[in-house]
Amino acid sequence: MDGDEFVVFLPGVVEEEGQQALERLKNWIDRINQHHILLPIGISLGVATGEKGTPQEIVLHEADRRLYAATRAGKEILALAHLTP
């Protein structure tokens, strides 16, 4: 079964803060799964951060590449990248 993709932009957030936000999202989904056993939700996350001046299109493209890498590696994976201009 294919999944849906969502983009979350966190402007002004450094890499560590972004990773923490997505870990909270993953933990929230884990808690949902504890109560809804019939249809568990799996999550793969692709994350990219960029230095000031890195074009948004480049960051988005890298996040998408990381998402697909995480998906190929299995569920419950968080793949990170940090880009510089």
Foldseek 3Di string as FASTA:
>chain_A
DDDDDDDDDDPPDDPVRVVVVVVVVVVVLVVVCVVDVVDRDFAAFFAEEEDPPDDPVVRVVNSVVQRVVRVVVHTPYYGYYYYYD
